[in-house]
Amino acid sequence: MLALMSEMKRNWRRTSLTGADGAPVPDDWSLLDLAGRPLARLYLRQGGPQGGRWQWFVQIASDGTPFNGGTGTAATGREAREACEALVPPGVQERRPG
């Protein structure tokens, strides 16, 4: 079971967003459950005072309902992923279609 949980924690997929030029947006990731529903997102900020930092937000509340579960910035993508994974409630990533 522990191996399954750690595997679920790494269910990050590149988002399908495109920029104004039609090219895929780099460094933009979503954490999905088994049904393909988004749980969290992170992306690298460009420009401005937070440029070069990672913006992250969790799209699910601690009770498992769709809600803002937390937001923040991190110096690295790894820190942002860890922050998101820590806030996603246990068992939510194992949700299946239905």
PDB file of N, CA and C in Angstrom:
ATOM      1  N   MET A   1       0.828  -1.203   0.000  1.00  0.00           N
ATOM      2  CA  MET A   1       0.000   0.000   0.000  1.00  0.00           C
ATOM      3  C   MET A   1       0.863   1.254   0.000  1.00  0.00           C
ATOM      4  N   LEU A   2       1.953   1.239   0.774  1.00  0.00           N
ATOM      5  CA  LEU A   2       2.837   2.400   0.819  1.00  0.00           C
ATOM      6  C   LEU A   2       3.420   2.691  -0.555  1.00  0.00           C
ATOM      7  N   ALA A   3       3.791   1.650  -1.297  1.00  0.00           N
ATOM      8  CA  ALA A   3       4.332   1.845  -2.646  1.00  0.00           C
ATOM      9  C   ALA A   3       3.284   2.486  -3.547  1.00  0.00           C
ATOM     10  N   LEU A   4       2.033   2.054  -3.429  1.00  0.00           N
ATOM     11  CA  LEU A   4       0.961   2.639  -4.220  1.00  0.00           C
ATOM     12  C   LEU A   4       0.791   4.108  -3.889  1.00  0.00           C
ATOM     13  N   MET A   5       0.817   4.454  -2.618  1.00  0.00           N
ATOM     14  CA  MET A   5       0.668   5.850  -2.217  1.00  0.00           C
ATOM     15  C   MET A   5       1.795   6.702  -2.781  1.00  0.00           C
ATOM     16  N   SER A   6       3.035   6.231  -2.703  1.00  0.00           N
ATOM     17  CA  SER A   6       4.136   7.038  -3.207  1.00  0.00           C
ATOM     18  C   SER A   6       4.047   7.170  -4.723  1.00  0.00           C
ATOM     19  N   GLU A   7       3.539   6.125  -5.397  1.00  0.00           N
ATOM     20  CA  GLU A   7       3.354   6.214  -6.839  1.00  0.00           C
ATOM     21  C   GLU A   7       2.290   7.258  -7.167  1.00  0.00           C
ATOM     22  N   MET A   8       1.200   7.278  -6.399  1.00  0.00           N
ATOM     23  CA  MET A   8       0.150   8.254  -6.615  1.00  0.00           C
ATOM     24  C   MET A   8       0.674   9.671  -6.406  1.00  0.00           C
ATOM     25  N   LYS A   9       1.561   9.833  -5.455  1.00  0.00           N
ATOM     26  CA  LYS A   9       2.101  11.159  -5.181  1.00  0.00           C
ATOM     27  C   LYS A   9       2.850  11.713  -6.382  1.00  0.00           C
ATOM     28  N   ARG A  10       3.267  10.824  -7.284  1.00  0.00           N
ATOM     29  CA  ARG A  10       4.021  11.280  -8.441  1.00  0.00           C
ATOM     30  C   ARG A  10       3.167  11.312  -9.702  1.00  0.00           C
ATOM     31  N   ASN A  11       1.865  11.404  -9.591  1.00  0.00           N
ATOM     32  CA  ASN A  11       0.977  11.414 -10.743  1.00  0.00           C
ATOM     33  C   ASN A  11       0.870  12.829 -11.324  1.00  0.00           C
ATOM     34  N   TRP A  12       2.006  13.438 -11.587  1.00  0.00           N
ATOM     35  CA  TRP A  12       2.061  14.783 -12.164  1.00  0.00           C
ATOM     36  C   TRP A  12       2.074  14.675 -13.682  1.00  0.00           C
ATOM     37  N   ARG A  13       1.287  15.519 -14.337  1.00  0.00           N
ATOM     38  CA  ARG A  13       1.233  15.554 -15.799  1.00  0.00           C
ATOM     39  C   ARG A  13       1.370  16.997 -16.266  1.00  0.00           C
ATOM     40  N   ARG A  14       2.066  17.166 -17.382  1.00  0.00           N
ATOM     41  CA  ARG A  14       2.195  18.506 -17.966  1.00  0.00           C
ATOM     42  C   ARG A  14       0.807  18.973 -18.409  1.00  0.00           C
ATOM     43  N   THR A  15       0.473  20.222 -18.123  1.00  0.00           N
ATOM     44  CA  THR A  15      -0.830  20.740 -18.537  1.00  0.00           C
ATOM     45  C   THR A  15      -0.841  20.933 -20.044  1.00  0.00           C
ATOM     46  N   SER A  16      -2.016  21.046 -20.604  1.00  0.00           N
ATOM     47  CA  SER A  16      -2.160  21.208 -22.048  1.00  0.00           C
ATOM     48  C   SER A  16      -2.380  22.667 -22.429  1.00  0.00           C
ATOM     49  N   LEU A  17      -1.970  23.582 -21.572  1.00  0.00           N
ATOM     50  CA  LEU A  17      -2.134  25.002 -21.862  1.00  0.00           C
ATOM     51  C   LEU A  17      -1.157  25.440 -22.943  1.00  0.00           C
ATOM     52  N   THR A  18      -1.593  26.409 -23.760  1.00  0.00           N
ATOM     53  CA  THR A  18      -0.711  26.974 -24.774  1.00  0.00           C
ATOM     54  C   THR A  18      -0.621  28.477 -24.590  1.00  0.00           C
ATOM     55  N   GLY A  19       0.503  29.037 -24.999  1.00  0.00           N
ATOM     56  CA  GLY A  19       0.711  30.473 -24.915  1.00  0.00           C
ATOM     57  C   GLY A  19       0.055  31.183 -26.090  1.00  0.00           C
ATOM     58  N   ALA A  20       0.210  32.500 -26.148  1.00  0.00           N
ATOM     59  CA  ALA A  20      -0.370  33.301 -27.224  1.00  0.00           C
ATOM     60  C   ALA A  20       0.163  32.878 -28.591  1.00  0.00           C
ATOM     61  N   ASP A  21       1.378  32.335 -28.617  1.00  0.00           N
ATOM     62  CA  ASP A  21       1.973  31.893 -29.882  1.00  0.00           C
ATOM     63  C   ASP A  21       1.560  30.476 -30.268  1.00  0.00           C
ATOM     64  N   GLY A  22       0.735  29.826 -29.448  1.00  0.00           N
ATOM     65  CA  GLY A  22       0.270  28.479 -29.731  1.00  0.00           C
ATOM     66  C   GLY A  22       1.184  27.378 -29.236  1.00  0.00           C
ATOM     67  N   ALA A  23       2.339  27.749 -28.719  1.00  0.00           N
ATOM     68  CA  ALA A  23       3.286  26.754 -28.206  1.00  0.00           C
ATOM     69  C   ALA A  23       2.865  26.305 -26.807  1.00  0.00           C
ATOM     70  N   PRO A  24       3.131  25.048 -26.460  1.00  0.00           N
ATOM     71  CA  PRO A  24       2.813  24.588 -25.098  1.00  0.00           C
ATOM     72  C   PRO A  24       3.529  25.431 -24.049  1.00  0.00           C
ATOM     73  N   VAL A  25       2.841  25.687 -22.959  1.00  0.00           N
ATOM     74  CA  VAL A  25       3.436  26.448 -21.862  1.00  0.00           C
ATOM     75  C   VAL A  25       4.403  25.524 -21.120  1.00  0.00           C
ATOM     76  N   PRO A  26       5.687  25.905 -21.035  1.00  0.00           N
ATOM     77  CA  PRO A  26       6.637  25.042 -20.324  1.00  0.00           C
ATOM     78  C   PRO A  26       6.485  25.192 -18.812  1.00  0.00           C
ATOM     79  N   ASP A  27       6.924  24.196 -18.096  1.00  0.00           N
ATOM     80  CA  ASP A  27       6.954  24.258 -16.633  1.00  0.00           C
ATOM     81  C   ASP A  27       5.597  24.565 -16.022  1.00  0.00           C
ATOM     82  N   ASP A  28       4.573  23.864 -16.491  1.00  0.00           N
ATOM     83  CA  ASP A  28       3.216  23.992 -15.958  1.00  0.00           C
ATOM     84  C   ASP A  28       2.687  22.574 -15.773  1.00  0.00           C
ATOM     85  N   TRP A  29       2.398  22.197 -14.521  1.00  0.00           N
ATOM     86  CA  TRP A  29       2.085  20.811 -14.185  1.00  0.00           C
ATOM     87  C   TRP A  29       0.813  20.712 -13.354  1.00  0.00           C
ATOM     88  N   SER A  30       0.092  19.594 -13.524  1.00  0.00           N
ATOM     89  CA  SER A  30      -1.092  19.299 -12.715  1.00  0.00           C
ATOM     90  C   SER A  30      -0.934  17.938 -12.059  1.00  0.00           C
ATOM     91  N   LEU A  31      -1.364  17.837 -10.813  1.00  0.00           N
ATOM     92  CA  LEU A  31      -1.426  16.565 -10.093  1.00  0.00           C
ATOM     93  C   LEU A  31      -2.841  16.034 -10.270  1.00  0.00           C
ATOM     94  N   LEU A  32      -2.967  14.802 -10.762  1.00  0.00           N
ATOM     95  CA  LEU A  32      -4.274  14.219 -11.063  1.00  0.00           C
ATOM     96  C   LEU A  32      -4.573  13.023 -10.177  1.00  0.00           C
ATOM     97  N   ASP A  33      -5.882  12.774  -9.960  1.00  0.00           N
ATOM     98  CA  ASP A  33      -6.260  11.520  -9.309  1.00  0.00           C
ATOM     99  C   ASP A  33      -6.370  10.445 -10.392  1.00  0.00           C
ATOM    100  N   LEU A  34      -6.728   9.217 -10.030  1.00  0.00           N
ATOM    101  CA  LEU A  34      -6.792   8.124 -10.999  1.00  0.00           C
ATOM    102  C   LEU A  34      -7.868   8.332 -12.053  1.00  0.00           C
ATOM    103  N   ALA A  35      -8.871   9.157 -11.753  1.00  0.00           N
ATOM    104  CA  ALA A  35      -9.931   9.455 -12.710  1.00  0.00           C
ATOM    105  C   ALA A  35      -9.537  10.586 -13.654  1.00  0.00           C
ATOM    106  N   GLY A  36      -8.366  11.172 -13.453  1.00  0.00           N
ATOM    107  CA  GLY A  36      -7.905  12.259 -14.308  1.00  0.00           C
ATOM    108  C   GLY A  36      -8.359  13.634 -13.865  1.00  0.00           C
ATOM    109  N   ARG A  37      -8.948  13.729 -12.677  1.00  0.00           N
ATOM    110  CA  ARG A  37      -9.401  15.027 -12.164  1.00  0.00           C
ATOM    111  C   ARG A  37      -8.228  15.745 -11.500  1.00  0.00           C
ATOM    112  N   PRO A  38      -8.118  17.066 -11.722  1.00  0.00           N
ATOM    113  CA  PRO A  38      -6.993  17.808 -11.138  1.00  0.00           C
ATOM    114  C   PRO A  38      -7.138  17.986  -9.628  1.00  0.00           C
ATOM    115  N   LEU A  39      -6.020  17.816  -8.938  1.00  0.00           N
ATOM    116  CA  LEU A  39      -5.968  18.018  -7.490  1.00  0.00           C
ATOM    117  C   LEU A  39      -5.119  19.227  -7.128  1.00  0.00           C
ATOM    118  N   ALA A  40      -4.102  19.496  -7.937  1.00  0.00           N
ATOM    119  CA  ALA A  40      -3.190  20.607  -7.661  1.00  0.00           C
ATOM    120  C   ALA A  40      -2.525  21.028  -8.963  1.00  0.00           C
ATOM    121  N   ARG A  41      -1.989  22.234  -8.957  1.00  0.00           N
ATOM    122  CA  ARG A  41      -1.283  22.746 -10.130  1.00  0.00           C
ATOM    123  C   ARG A  41      -0.098  23.566  -9.661  1.00  0.00           C
ATOM    124  N   LEU A  42       0.963  23.543 -10.452  1.00  0.00           N
ATOM    125  CA  LEU A  42       2.108  24.413 -10.190  1.00  0.00           C
ATOM    126  C   LEU A  42       2.696  24.868 -11.514  1.00  0.00           C
ATOM    127  N   TYR A  43       3.284  26.056 -11.500  1.00  0.00           N
ATOM    128  CA  TYR A  43       3.902  26.583 -12.713  1.00  0.00           C
ATOM    129  C   TYR A  43       4.990  27.578 -12.342  1.00  0.00           C
ATOM    130  N   LEU A  44       5.931  27.743 -13.250  1.00  0.00           N
ATOM    131  CA  LEU A  44       7.035  28.670 -13.060  1.00  0.00           C
ATOM    132  C   LEU A  44       6.594  30.061 -13.479  1.00  0.00           C
ATOM    133  N   ARG A  45       6.697  31.018 -12.560  1.00  0.00           N
ATOM    134  CA  ARG A  45       6.296  32.403 -12.840  1.00  0.00           C
ATOM    135  C   ARG A  45       7.321  33.061 -13.750  1.00  0.00           C
ATOM    136  N   GLN A  46       6.831  33.888 -14.646  1.00  0.00           N
ATOM    137  CA  GLN A  46       7.686  34.628 -15.572  1.00  0.00           C
ATOM    138  C   GLN A  46       7.528  36.118 -15.307  1.00  0.00           C
ATOM    139  N   GLY A  47       8.619  36.826 -15.108  1.00  0.00           N
ATOM    140  CA  GLY A  47       8.577  38.273 -14.922  1.00  0.00           C
ATOM    141  C   GLY A  47       8.007  38.688 -13.579  1.00  0.00           C
ATOM    142  N   GLY A  48       8.102  39.973 -13.299  1.00  0.00           N
ATOM    143  CA  GLY A  48       7.567  40.520 -12.058  1.00  0.00           C
ATOM    144  C   GLY A  48       8.400  40.158 -10.845  1.00  0.00           C
ATOM    145  N   PRO A  49       7.954  40.581  -9.671  1.00  0.00           N
ATOM    146  CA  PRO A  49       8.732  40.347  -8.454  1.00  0.00           C
ATOM    147  C   PRO A  49       8.853  38.868  -8.077  1.00  0.00           C
ATOM    148  N   GLN A  50       7.934  38.031  -8.535  1.00  0.00           N
ATOM    149  CA  GLN A  50       7.996  36.595  -8.236  1.00  0.00           C
ATOM    150  C   GLN A  50       8.569  35.789  -9.405  1.00  0.00           C
ATOM    151  N   GLY A  51       9.056  36.460 -10.437  1.00  0.00           N
ATOM    152  CA  GLY A  51       9.615  35.778 -11.602  1.00  0.00           C
ATOM    153  C   GLY A  51      10.719  34.809 -11.201  1.00  0.00           C
ATOM    154  N   GLY A  52      10.675  33.616 -11.771  1.00  0.00           N
ATOM    155  CA  GLY A  52      11.660  32.596 -11.450  1.00  0.00           C
ATOM    156  C   GLY A  52      11.268  31.719 -10.269  1.00  0.00           C
ATOM    157  N   ARG A  53      10.171  32.055  -9.595  1.00  0.00           N
ATOM    158  CA  ARG A  53       9.688  31.228  -8.479  1.00  0.00           C
ATOM    159  C   ARG A  53       8.511  30.397  -8.972  1.00  0.00           C
ATOM    160  N   TRP A  54       8.232  29.335  -8.255  1.00  0.00           N
ATOM    161  CA  TRP A  54       7.142  28.436  -8.609  1.00  0.00           C
ATOM    162  C   TRP A  54       5.885  28.805  -7.838  1.00  0.00           C
ATOM    163  N   GLN A  55       4.800  29.033  -8.545  1.00  0.00           N
ATOM    164  CA  GLN A  55       3.481  29.284  -7.957  1.00  0.00           C
ATOM    165  C   GLN A  55       2.769  27.941  -7.863  1.00  0.00           C
ATOM    166  N   TRP A  56       2.147  27.655  -6.734  1.00  0.00           N
ATOM    167  CA  TRP A  56       1.418  26.396  -6.592  1.00  0.00           C
ATOM    168  C   TRP A  56       0.075  26.636  -5.931  1.00  0.00           C
ATOM    169  N   PHE A  57      -0.889  25.775  -6.235  1.00  0.00           N
ATOM    170  CA  PHE A  57      -2.165  25.808  -5.528  1.00  0.00           C
ATOM    171  C   PHE A  57      -2.812  24.435  -5.547  1.00  0.00           C
ATOM    172  N   VAL A  58      -3.460  24.124  -4.438  1.00  0.00           N
ATOM    173  CA  VAL A  58      -4.169  22.858  -4.267  1.00  0.00           C
ATOM    174  C   VAL A  58      -5.642  23.135  -4.518  1.00  0.00           C
ATOM    175  N   GLN A  59      -6.266  22.311  -5.355  1.00  0.00           N
ATOM    176  CA  GLN A  59      -7.635  22.547  -5.787  1.00  0.00           C
ATOM    177  C   GLN A  59      -8.653  21.683  -5.054  1.00  0.00           C
ATOM    178  N   ILE A  60      -8.262  21.188  -3.890  1.00  0.00           N
ATOM    179  CA  ILE A  60      -9.170  20.329  -3.126  1.00  0.00           C
ATOM    180  C   ILE A  60      -8.992  20.620  -1.636  1.00  0.00           C
ATOM    181  N   ALA A  61     -10.088  20.676  -0.907  1.00  0.00           N
ATOM    182  CA  ALA A  61     -10.035  20.992   0.523  1.00  0.00           C
ATOM    183  C   ALA A  61      -9.630  19.765   1.333  1.00  0.00           C
ATOM    184  N   SER A  62      -9.359  19.983   2.590  1.00  0.00           N
ATOM    185  CA  SER A  62      -8.926  18.887   3.466  1.00  0.00           C
ATOM    186  C   SER A  62      -9.992  17.810   3.638  1.00  0.00           C
ATOM    187  N   ASP A  63     -11.271  18.143   3.376  1.00  0.00           N
ATOM    188  CA  ASP A  63     -12.333  17.130   3.477  1.00  0.00           C
ATOM    189  C   ASP A  63     -12.594  16.424   2.148  1.00  0.00           C
ATOM    190  N   GLY A  64     -11.805  16.742   1.113  1.00  0.00           N
ATOM    191  CA  GLY A  64     -11.931  16.083  -0.179  1.00  0.00           C
ATOM    192  C   GLY A  64     -12.861  16.760  -1.160  1.00  0.00           C
ATOM    193  N   THR A  65     -13.480  17.876  -0.790  1.00  0.00           N
ATOM    194  CA  THR A  65     -14.366  18.587  -1.702  1.00  0.00           C
ATOM    195  C   THR A  65     -13.568  19.567  -2.558  1.00  0.00           C
ATOM    196  N   PRO A  66     -14.059  19.862  -3.785  1.00  0.00           N
ATOM    197  CA  PRO A  66     -13.364  20.840  -4.626  1.00  0.00           C
ATOM    198  C   PRO A  66     -13.383  22.209  -3.954  1.00  0.00           C
ATOM    199  N   PHE A  67     -12.237  22.752  -3.710  1.00  0.00           N
ATOM    200  CA  PHE A  67     -12.124  24.011  -2.978  1.00  0.00           C
ATOM    201  C   PHE A  67     -10.660  24.416  -2.992  1.00  0.00           C
ATOM    202  N   ASN A  68     -10.359  25.651  -2.662  1.00  0.00           N
ATOM    203  CA  ASN A  68      -8.973  26.095  -2.560  1.00  0.00           C
ATOM    204  C   ASN A  68      -8.372  25.524  -1.285  1.00  0.00           C
ATOM    205  N   GLY A  69      -7.500  24.538  -1.436  1.00  0.00           N
ATOM    206  CA  GLY A  69      -6.872  23.898  -0.286  1.00  0.00           C
ATOM    207  C   GLY A  69      -5.575  24.535   0.135  1.00  0.00           C
ATOM    208  N   GLY A  70      -5.135  25.577  -0.561  1.00  0.00           N
ATOM    209  CA  GLY A  70      -3.904  26.265  -0.208  1.00  0.00           C
ATOM    210  C   GLY A  70      -3.170  26.759  -1.438  1.00  0.00           C
ATOM    211  N   THR A  71      -2.432  27.853  -1.280  1.00  0.00           N
ATOM    212  CA  THR A  71      -1.633  28.420  -2.362  1.00  0.00           C
ATOM    213  C   THR A  71      -0.309  28.903  -1.798  1.00  0.00           C
ATOM    214  N   GLY A  72       0.649  29.108  -2.663  1.00  0.00           N
ATOM    215  CA  GLY A  72       1.927  29.648  -2.220  1.00  0.00           C
ATOM    216  C   GLY A  72       2.938  29.703  -3.343  1.00  0.00           C
ATOM    217  N   THR A  73       4.139  30.100  -2.993  1.00  0.00           N
ATOM    218  CA  THR A  73       5.249  30.112  -3.934  1.00  0.00           C
ATOM    219  C   THR A  73       6.403  29.330  -3.327  1.00  0.00           C
ATOM    220  N   ALA A  74       7.268  28.842  -4.183  1.00  0.00           N
ATOM    221  CA  ALA A  74       8.426  28.070  -3.744  1.00  0.00           C
ATOM    222  C   ALA A  74       9.615  28.417  -4.633  1.00  0.00           C
ATOM    223  N   ALA A  75      10.798  28.210  -4.104  1.00  0.00           N
ATOM    224  CA  ALA A  75      12.018  28.515  -4.853  1.00  0.00           C
ATOM    225  C   ALA A  75      12.286  27.492  -5.948  1.00  0.00           C
ATOM    226  N   THR A  76      11.850  26.253  -5.749  1.00  0.00           N
ATOM    227  CA  THR A  76      12.099  25.200  -6.734  1.00  0.00           C
ATOM    228  C   THR A  76      10.816  24.442  -7.044  1.00  0.00           C
ATOM    229  N   GLY A  77      10.814  23.775  -8.187  1.00  0.00           N
ATOM    230  CA  GLY A  77       9.673  22.946  -8.548  1.00  0.00           C
ATOM    231  C   GLY A  77       9.470  21.808  -7.567  1.00  0.00           C
ATOM    232  N   ARG A  78      10.556  21.256  -7.075  1.00  0.00           N
ATOM    233  CA  ARG A  78      10.454  20.157  -6.104  1.00  0.00           C
ATOM    234  C   ARG A  78       9.761  20.626  -4.826  1.00  0.00           C
ATOM    235  N   GLU A  79      10.142  21.803  -4.325  1.00  0.00           N
ATOM    236  CA  GLU A  79       9.490  22.343  -3.124  1.00  0.00           C
ATOM    237  C   GLU A  79       8.005  22.570  -3.378  1.00  0.00           C
ATOM    238  N   ALA A  80       7.658  23.057  -4.558  1.00  0.00           N
ATOM    239  CA  ALA A  80       6.256  23.299  -4.894  1.00  0.00           C
ATOM    240  C   ALA A  80       5.477  21.986  -4.940  1.00  0.00           C
ATOM    241  N   ARG A  81       6.052  20.953  -5.569  1.00  0.00           N
ATOM    242  CA  ARG A  81       5.390  19.639  -5.614  1.00  0.00           C
ATOM    243  C   ARG A  81       5.180  19.090  -4.211  1.00  0.00           C
ATOM    244  N   GLU A  82       6.203  19.186  -3.376  1.00  0.00           N
ATOM    245  CA  GLU A  82       6.092  18.668  -2.009  1.00  0.00           C
ATOM    246  C   GLU A  82       5.015  19.403  -1.223  1.00  0.00           C
ATOM    247  N   ALA A  83       4.914  20.722  -1.408  1.00  0.00           N
ATOM    248  CA  ALA A  83       3.883  21.496  -0.711  1.00  0.00           C
ATOM    249  C   ALA A  83       2.491  21.040  -1.147  1.00  0.00           C
ATOM    250  N   CYS A  84       2.304  20.851  -2.447  1.00  0.00           N
ATOM    251  CA  CYS A  84       1.006  20.396  -2.954  1.00  0.00           C
ATOM    252  C   CYS A  84       0.666  19.010  -2.428  1.00  0.00           C
ATOM    253  N   GLU A  85       1.612  18.096  -2.530  1.00  0.00           N
ATOM    254  CA  GLU A  85       1.366  16.722  -2.102  1.00  0.00           C
ATOM    255  C   GLU A  85       1.043  16.633  -0.616  1.00  0.00           C
ATOM    256  N   ALA A  86       1.643  17.502   0.175  1.00  0.00           N
ATOM    257  CA  ALA A  86       1.387  17.491   1.618  1.00  0.00           C
ATOM    258  C   ALA A  86      -0.029  17.960   1.949  1.00  0.00           C
ATOM    259  N   LEU A  87      -0.629  18.780   1.092  1.00  0.00           N
ATOM    260  CA  LEU A  87      -1.955  19.327   1.373  1.00  0.00           C
ATOM    261  C   LEU A  87      -3.104  18.524   0.767  1.00  0.00           C
ATOM    262  N   VAL A  88      -2.805  17.622  -0.162  1.00  0.00           N
ATOM    263  CA  VAL A  88      -3.868  16.791  -0.733  1.00  0.00           C
ATOM    264  C   VAL A  88      -4.248  15.740   0.311  1.00  0.00           C
ATOM    265  N   PRO A  89      -5.539  15.656   0.682  1.00  0.00           N
ATOM    266  CA  PRO A  89      -5.959  14.724   1.732  1.00  0.00           C
ATOM    267  C   PRO A  89      -5.652  13.269   1.382  1.00  0.00           C
ATOM    268  N   PRO A  90      -5.333  12.447   2.378  1.00  0.00           N
ATOM    269  CA  PRO A  90      -5.073  11.027   2.138  1.00  0.00           C
ATOM    270  C   PRO A  90      -6.278  10.358   1.480  1.00  0.00           C
ATOM    271  N   GLY A  91      -6.004   9.495   0.522  1.00  0.00           N
ATOM    272  CA  GLY A  91      -7.059   8.752  -0.155  1.00  0.00           C
ATOM    273  C   GLY A  91      -7.669   9.446  -1.349  1.00  0.00           C
ATOM    274  N   VAL A  92      -7.505  10.739  -1.468  1.00  0.00           N
ATOM    275  CA  VAL A  92      -8.139  11.476  -2.561  1.00  0.00           C
ATOM    276  C   VAL A  92      -7.520  11.111  -3.906  1.00  0.00           C
ATOM    277  N   GLN A  93      -6.215  10.914  -3.948  1.00  0.00           N
ATOM    278  CA  GLN A  93      -5.575  10.603  -5.223  1.00  0.00           C
ATOM    279  C   GLN A  93      -5.985   9.243  -5.767  1.00  0.00           C
ATOM    280  N   GLU A  94      -6.543   8.391  -4.935  1.00  0.00           N
ATOM    281  CA  GLU A  94      -6.944   7.064  -5.370  1.00  0.00           C
ATOM    282  C   GLU A  94      -8.375   7.037  -5.900  1.00  0.00           C
ATOM    283  N   ARG A  95      -9.036   8.192  -5.958  1.00  0.00           N
ATOM    284  CA  ARG A  95     -10.406   8.232  -6.479  1.00  0.00           C
ATOM    285  C   ARG A  95     -10.429   7.719  -7.913  1.00  0.00           C
ATOM    286  N   ARG A  96     -11.431   6.952  -8.205  1.00  0.00           N
ATOM    287  CA  ARG A  96     -11.574   6.394  -9.551  1.00  0.00           C
ATOM    288  C   ARG A  96     -12.836   6.960 -10.193  1.00  0.00           C
ATOM    289  N   PRO A  97     -12.943   6.832 -11.522  1.00  0.00           N
ATOM    290  CA  PRO A  97     -14.149   7.334 -12.193  1.00  0.00           C
ATOM    291  C   PRO A  97     -15.399   6.683 -11.604  1.00  0.00           C
ATOM    292  N   GLY A  98     -16.448   7.461 -11.588  1.00  0.00           N
ATOM    293  CA  GLY A  98     -17.674   6.846 -11.083  1.00  0.00           C
ATOM    294  C   GLY A  98     -18.670   7.778 -10.567  1.00  0.00           C
TER     295      GLY A  98
END
